[in-house]
N, C-alpha and C. Protein backbone atom coordinates (compact mmCIF):
# COMPACT_ATOMS: atom_id res chain seq x y z
N UNK A 1 -37.42 2.45 -10.29
CA UNK A 1 -36.80 2.44 -9.12
C UNK A 1 -35.49 1.82 -9.33
N UNK A 2 -35.31 0.72 -10.05
CA UNK A 2 -34.27 0.11 -10.51
C UNK A 2 -33.35 0.93 -11.10
N UNK A 3 -33.61 1.66 -12.17
CA UNK A 3 -32.80 2.38 -12.82
C UNK A 3 -32.07 3.63 -11.89
N UNK A 4 -32.62 4.15 -10.98
CA UNK A 4 -32.31 5.17 -9.91
C UNK A 4 -31.55 4.69 -9.40
N UNK A 5 -31.41 3.39 -8.46
CA UNK A 5 -30.65 2.97 -7.60
C UNK A 5 -29.47 2.60 -8.35
N UNK A 6 -29.28 1.67 -9.86
CA UNK A 6 -28.30 1.67 -10.58
C UNK A 6 -27.52 2.71 -10.88
N UNK A 7 -28.18 4.08 -11.34
CA UNK A 7 -27.47 5.41 -11.23
C UNK A 7 -26.98 5.85 -9.86
N UNK A 8 -27.30 5.71 -9.15
CA UNK A 8 -26.72 6.08 -7.54
C UNK A 8 -25.64 5.40 -7.24
N UNK A 9 -25.65 4.04 -7.54
CA UNK A 9 -24.42 3.05 -7.14
C UNK A 9 -23.33 3.51 -8.14
N UNK A 10 -23.85 3.48 -9.57
CA UNK A 10 -22.77 4.03 -10.49
C UNK A 10 -21.80 5.44 -10.12
N UNK A 11 -22.81 6.21 -9.48
CA UNK A 11 -22.08 7.55 -8.87
C UNK A 11 -21.27 7.48 -7.86
N UNK A 12 -21.53 6.52 -6.97
CA UNK A 12 -21.07 6.04 -5.69
C UNK A 12 -19.72 5.75 -5.95
N UNK A 13 -19.77 4.45 -6.78
CA UNK A 13 -18.55 3.83 -7.35
C UNK A 13 -17.81 4.64 -7.90
N UNK A 14 -17.92 5.77 -8.83
CA UNK A 14 -17.22 6.55 -9.49
C UNK A 14 -16.53 7.63 -8.63
N UNK A 15 -17.17 7.82 -7.38
CA UNK A 15 -16.63 8.91 -6.35
C UNK A 15 -15.49 7.91 -5.70
N UNK A 16 -15.87 6.53 -5.68
CA UNK A 16 -14.90 5.61 -4.51
C UNK A 16 -13.30 5.72 -5.26
N UNK A 17 -12.29 5.80 -4.29
CA UNK A 17 -10.94 5.64 -4.40
C UNK A 17 -10.17 4.79 -4.02
N UNK A 18 -9.20 3.72 -4.59
CA UNK A 18 -8.92 2.73 -3.52
C UNK A 18 -7.29 2.90 -3.80
N UNK A 19 -6.81 2.53 -2.59
CA UNK A 19 -5.27 2.38 -2.84
C UNK A 19 -4.66 1.25 -1.84
N UNK A 20 -3.75 0.38 -2.33
CA UNK A 20 -3.44 -0.87 -2.04
C UNK A 20 -2.07 -0.58 -1.57
N UNK A 21 -1.77 -1.14 -0.53
CA UNK A 21 -0.30 -0.90 0.03
C UNK A 21 0.21 -2.17 0.47
N UNK A 22 1.31 -2.59 -0.45
CA UNK A 22 1.90 -3.93 0.05
C UNK A 22 3.05 -3.78 0.76
N UNK A 23 3.39 -4.38 1.89
CA UNK A 23 4.62 -4.14 2.43
C UNK A 23 5.40 -5.67 2.27
N UNK A 24 6.40 -5.62 2.01
CA UNK A 24 7.08 -7.19 1.75
C UNK A 24 8.20 -6.96 3.04
N UNK A 25 8.40 -8.12 3.75
CA UNK A 25 9.19 -8.22 5.02
C UNK A 25 10.08 -9.26 4.60
N UNK A 26 11.64 -9.08 4.87
CA UNK A 26 12.36 -10.03 4.55
C UNK A 26 11.94 -11.23 6.02
N UNK A 27 12.67 -12.23 5.62
CA UNK A 27 12.50 -13.38 6.55
C UNK A 27 12.76 -13.30 8.01
N UNK A 28 14.16 -12.77 8.17
CA UNK A 28 14.48 -12.34 9.01
C UNK A 28 13.91 -11.47 10.13
N UNK A 29 12.97 -10.72 9.34
CA UNK A 29 12.17 -9.64 10.59
C UNK A 29 10.91 -10.29 10.55
N UNK A 30 10.29 -11.13 10.11
CA UNK A 30 8.70 -11.44 10.10
C UNK A 30 8.39 -11.44 11.55
N UNK A 31 8.97 -11.87 12.28
CA UNK A 31 8.26 -12.08 13.91
C UNK A 31 8.11 -10.63 14.49
N UNK A 32 9.15 -9.98 14.25
CA UNK A 32 9.16 -8.27 14.64
C UNK A 32 7.96 -7.61 14.11
N UNK A 33 7.94 -7.72 12.82
CA UNK A 33 7.25 -7.16 11.66
C UNK A 33 5.52 -7.61 12.48
N UNK A 34 5.31 -9.13 12.12
CA UNK A 34 4.28 -9.42 12.57
C UNK A 34 3.67 -8.53 13.57
N UNK A 35 4.24 -8.53 15.02
CA UNK A 35 4.13 -7.93 16.28
C UNK A 35 3.81 -6.21 15.62
N UNK A 36 4.79 -5.72 15.17
CA UNK A 36 4.32 -4.42 14.54
C UNK A 36 2.87 -4.04 13.89
N UNK A 37 2.79 -5.04 12.93
CA UNK A 37 1.58 -4.94 11.97
C UNK A 37 0.43 -4.81 13.20
N UNK A 38 0.45 -5.99 14.18
CA UNK A 38 -0.89 -6.25 15.18
C UNK A 38 -1.36 -4.93 16.00
N UNK A 39 -0.02 -4.31 16.14
CA UNK A 39 -0.13 -3.21 17.12
C UNK A 39 0.38 -1.58 16.77
N UNK A 40 0.85 -1.59 16.06
CA UNK A 40 1.44 -0.20 15.49
C UNK A 40 0.58 0.17 14.30
N UNK A 41 0.87 -0.66 13.32
CA UNK A 41 0.16 -0.34 12.08
C UNK A 41 -1.29 -0.38 11.86
N UNK A 42 -1.83 -1.42 12.83
CA UNK A 42 -3.47 -1.52 12.56
C UNK A 42 -3.92 -0.24 13.72
N UNK A 43 -3.34 0.40 14.80
CA UNK A 43 -3.44 1.36 15.24
C UNK A 43 -3.72 2.58 14.17
N UNK A 44 -2.67 2.81 13.57
CA UNK A 44 -2.21 3.68 12.43
C UNK A 44 -3.46 3.76 11.56
N UNK A 45 -3.78 2.53 11.14
CA UNK A 45 -5.09 2.53 10.28
C UNK A 45 -6.12 3.07 10.75
N UNK A 46 -6.45 2.28 11.83
CA UNK A 46 -7.17 3.06 12.76
C UNK A 46 -7.65 4.65 13.01
N UNK A 47 -6.83 5.14 13.12
CA UNK A 47 -6.72 6.63 13.03
C UNK A 47 -6.31 7.69 11.91
N UNK A 48 -6.49 6.64 10.59
CA UNK A 48 -6.63 7.73 9.42
C UNK A 48 -7.56 8.42 9.09
N UNK A 49 -7.42 9.70 9.18
CA UNK A 49 -9.20 10.38 9.16
C UNK A 49 -9.62 10.55 7.73
N UNK A 50 -9.17 10.38 6.63
CA UNK A 50 -9.83 10.54 5.18
C UNK A 50 -10.18 9.06 4.77
N UNK A 51 -9.62 8.16 5.74
CA UNK A 51 -9.78 6.77 5.34
C UNK A 51 -11.09 6.05 5.53
N UNK A 52 -12.15 6.14 4.73
CA UNK A 52 -13.35 5.35 4.57
C UNK A 52 -13.64 4.02 5.36
N UNK A 53 -12.78 3.24 4.54
CA UNK A 53 -12.46 2.01 5.19
C UNK A 53 -11.50 1.46 4.80
N UNK A 54 -11.08 0.20 5.90
CA UNK A 54 -9.95 -0.37 5.48
C UNK A 54 -10.10 -1.81 5.53
N UNK A 55 -8.62 -2.49 4.80
CA UNK A 55 -8.88 -4.11 5.41
C UNK A 55 -7.09 -4.14 5.67
N UNK A 56 -6.89 -4.72 6.42
CA UNK A 56 -5.62 -4.92 6.75
C UNK A 56 -5.08 -6.42 6.94
N UNK A 57 -4.48 -6.99 5.87
CA UNK A 57 -4.30 -8.49 5.89
C UNK A 57 -2.63 -9.04 5.85
N UNK A 58 -3.00 -10.37 6.05
CA UNK A 58 -1.79 -11.04 5.51
C UNK A 58 -1.82 -11.74 3.98
N UNK A 59 -0.88 -11.63 3.26
CA UNK A 59 -0.86 -11.95 1.79
C UNK A 59 -0.54 -13.62 2.11
N UNK A 60 -1.34 -14.10 1.68
CA UNK A 60 -1.16 -15.75 1.36
C UNK A 60 -0.67 -16.17 -0.14
N UNK A 61 0.58 -16.60 -0.23
CA UNK A 61 0.67 -16.77 -1.87
C UNK A 61 2.25 -17.70 -2.05
N UNK A 62 1.76 -18.49 -3.12
CA UNK A 62 2.59 -19.54 -3.30
C UNK A 62 4.07 -18.75 -3.98
N UNK A 63 3.78 -17.62 -4.34
CA UNK A 63 4.69 -16.95 -4.92
C UNK A 63 5.56 -16.35 -4.07
N UNK A 64 5.58 -16.20 -3.01
CA UNK A 64 6.61 -15.58 -2.01
C UNK A 64 7.48 -16.60 -1.49
N UNK A 65 8.78 -16.61 -2.07
CA UNK A 65 9.85 -17.81 -1.36
C UNK A 65 10.35 -17.08 -0.20
N UNK A 66 10.72 -16.22 -0.23
CA UNK A 66 11.61 -15.36 1.03
C UNK A 66 10.68 -14.37 1.57
N UNK A 67 10.29 -14.48 2.81
CA UNK A 67 9.73 -13.43 3.74
C UNK A 67 8.07 -12.99 3.60
N UNK A 68 7.42 -12.28 3.79
CA UNK A 68 6.14 -12.30 3.94
C UNK A 68 5.57 -10.72 3.74
N UNK A 69 4.45 -10.81 3.12
CA UNK A 69 3.74 -9.42 2.41
C UNK A 69 2.55 -9.58 3.45
N UNK A 70 2.38 -8.15 3.65
CA UNK A 70 1.12 -8.10 4.28
C UNK A 70 0.54 -6.63 3.43
N UNK A 71 -0.91 -6.45 3.40
CA UNK A 71 -1.51 -5.68 2.54
C UNK A 71 -2.35 -4.69 3.38
N UNK A 72 -2.39 -3.38 3.03
CA UNK A 72 -3.31 -2.44 3.74
C UNK A 72 -4.12 -2.00 2.48
N UNK A 73 -5.32 -2.43 2.39
CA UNK A 73 -6.34 -1.63 1.39
C UNK A 73 -7.14 -0.58 1.74
N UNK A 74 -7.06 0.80 1.31
CA UNK A 74 -7.26 1.91 1.72
C UNK A 74 -8.91 2.41 0.78
N UNK A 75 -9.78 2.78 1.15
CA UNK A 75 -10.78 3.06 0.88
C UNK A 75 -11.08 4.55 0.73
N UNK A 76 -11.13 5.41 -0.05
CA UNK A 76 -11.52 7.00 -0.05
C UNK A 76 -12.48 7.41 -0.61
N UNK A 77 -12.98 8.56 -0.07
CA UNK A 77 -14.19 9.05 -1.02
C UNK A 77 -14.13 9.43 -2.11
N UNK A 78 -13.29 10.12 -2.57
CA UNK A 78 -12.78 10.39 -3.92
C UNK A 78 -10.97 10.27 -3.98
N UNK A 79 -10.87 10.63 -4.89
CA UNK A 79 -9.28 10.69 -5.92
C UNK A 79 -8.44 11.53 -4.54
N UNK A 80 -9.51 13.01 -4.77
CA UNK A 80 -8.30 13.83 -4.08
C UNK A 80 -8.06 13.63 -2.68
N UNK A 81 -8.75 12.67 -2.11
CA UNK A 81 -8.41 12.46 -0.61
C UNK A 81 -7.47 11.42 -1.06
N UNK A 82 -7.37 10.40 -1.65
CA UNK A 82 -6.49 9.14 -1.98
C UNK A 82 -5.27 10.32 -2.05
N UNK A 83 -5.03 11.22 -3.08
CA UNK A 83 -3.78 11.88 -3.37
C UNK A 83 -3.20 12.60 -1.89
N UNK A 84 -4.07 12.99 -1.56
CA UNK A 84 -3.50 13.82 -0.15
C UNK A 84 -2.83 12.95 0.63
N UNK A 85 -3.58 11.73 0.88
CA UNK A 85 -3.09 10.64 1.78
C UNK A 85 -1.54 10.47 1.26
N UNK A 86 -1.50 9.91 -0.07
CA UNK A 86 -0.35 9.53 -0.60
C UNK A 86 0.87 10.95 -0.35
N UNK A 87 0.57 11.82 -0.81
CA UNK A 87 1.36 12.61 -0.84
C UNK A 87 1.64 13.18 0.59
N UNK A 88 1.03 12.91 1.73
CA UNK A 88 1.47 13.46 3.27
C UNK A 88 1.38 12.22 3.97
N UNK A 89 0.39 11.52 4.27
CA UNK A 89 0.29 10.76 5.41
C UNK A 89 1.33 9.17 4.73
N UNK A 90 1.29 8.99 3.58
CA UNK A 90 2.11 7.92 3.42
C UNK A 90 3.71 8.26 3.46
N UNK A 91 4.03 9.14 3.26
CA UNK A 91 5.27 9.88 3.73
C UNK A 91 5.69 9.62 5.17
N UNK A 92 4.77 9.98 5.67
CA UNK A 92 5.01 10.04 7.39
C UNK A 92 5.01 8.23 7.50
N UNK A 93 3.95 7.59 7.20
CA UNK A 93 4.02 5.99 7.62
C UNK A 93 5.36 5.47 7.27
N UNK A 94 5.99 5.82 5.85
CA UNK A 94 6.87 5.27 5.39
C UNK A 94 8.32 5.63 6.42
N UNK A 95 8.07 6.72 6.86
CA UNK A 95 9.27 7.62 7.50
C UNK A 95 9.50 6.55 9.06
N UNK A 96 8.21 6.47 9.50
CA UNK A 96 7.83 5.88 10.39
C UNK A 96 8.37 4.38 10.81
N UNK A 97 8.02 3.54 9.72
CA UNK A 97 8.49 2.51 9.29
C UNK A 97 10.10 2.27 9.39
N UNK A 98 10.54 2.93 8.07
CA UNK A 98 11.85 3.41 8.39
C UNK A 98 12.81 3.27 9.78
N UNK A 99 12.00 4.21 10.29
CA UNK A 99 12.82 4.85 11.43
C UNK A 99 12.96 3.06 12.32
N UNK A 100 11.80 2.46 12.24
CA UNK A 100 12.09 0.91 13.18
C UNK A 100 12.65 0.15 12.35
N UNK A 101 12.63 -0.32 11.08
CA UNK A 101 13.24 -1.48 10.64
C UNK A 101 14.17 -0.69 9.42
N UNK A 102 14.76 0.15 9.35
CA UNK A 102 15.48 0.55 8.23
C UNK A 102 14.69 0.47 7.13
N UNK A 103 15.60 0.27 6.00
CA UNK A 103 15.00 0.37 4.62
C UNK A 103 14.57 -1.36 4.20
N UNK A 104 14.51 -2.21 4.99
CA UNK A 104 14.21 -3.28 5.09
C UNK A 104 12.78 -3.86 4.62
N UNK A 105 12.17 -2.83 4.80
CA UNK A 105 10.34 -3.18 4.82
C UNK A 105 10.23 -2.75 3.37
N UNK A 106 10.08 -3.44 1.88
CA UNK A 106 9.37 -2.48 1.06
C UNK A 106 7.93 -2.26 1.07
N UNK A 107 7.90 -1.08 0.24
CA UNK A 107 6.33 -0.63 0.60
C UNK A 107 6.06 -0.55 -1.08
N UNK A 108 5.07 -1.05 -1.52
CA UNK A 108 4.48 -1.07 -2.85
C UNK A 108 3.04 -0.24 -2.83
N UNK A 109 3.14 0.89 -3.70
CA UNK A 109 2.08 1.34 -3.64
C UNK A 109 1.47 1.25 -4.77
N UNK A 110 -0.06 0.67 -5.18
CA UNK A 110 -0.89 0.70 -6.16
C UNK A 110 -2.36 1.13 -6.17
N UNK A 111 -2.40 2.15 -7.05
CA UNK A 111 -3.74 2.68 -7.32
C UNK A 111 -4.67 2.13 -7.71
N UNK A 112 -5.61 1.69 -7.34
CA UNK A 112 -6.91 0.90 -8.01
C UNK A 112 -7.79 1.83 -8.53
N UNK A 113 -8.43 2.03 -9.58
CA UNK A 113 -9.67 2.62 -10.08
C UNK A 113 -10.45 1.99 -10.69
N UNK A 114 -11.47 1.56 -9.53
CA UNK A 114 -12.68 0.62 -9.88
C UNK A 114 -13.23 1.16 -11.13
N UNK A 115 -13.79 0.34 -11.55
CA UNK A 115 -15.10 0.26 -12.73
C UNK A 115 -16.32 -1.05 -12.43
N UNK A 116 -16.15 -1.70 -11.66
CA UNK A 116 -17.05 -2.47 -11.13
C UNK A 116 -16.68 -2.83 -9.64
N UNK A 117 -17.86 -3.10 -9.11
CA UNK A 117 -17.45 -3.47 -7.24
C UNK A 117 -18.90 -4.06 -6.89
N UNK A 118 -18.66 -4.73 -6.07
CA UNK A 118 -20.13 -5.32 -5.33
C UNK A 118 -19.60 -5.20 -3.70
N UNK A 119 -18.89 -4.25 -3.61
CA UNK A 119 -18.51 -4.02 -2.18
C UNK A 119 -19.47 -3.68 -0.97
């Protein structure tokens, strides 16, 4: 039984695909960005169809001297759904943010390929 469970977990883990989006906000836009995150960005994350799970969080770091970082961790069923998201939805999200904030908000996209998890 233990071997079967372990094989099943590995199979599910192999299928899981993760994307981390980090939004860097300059100091002068932090208040407006915080409001946007708690309303619009949160609602956007809730409505993403192909996302299995997500975590939207403020990044606490001593390394950030100016501004603020926000992270949206997205978990997809597989790489294909993650790729579709990057090619379609991420472009839409970027355009929406650019329309509201100009190009002041920098978006960093990081593809995470798990080889271990206790998620």
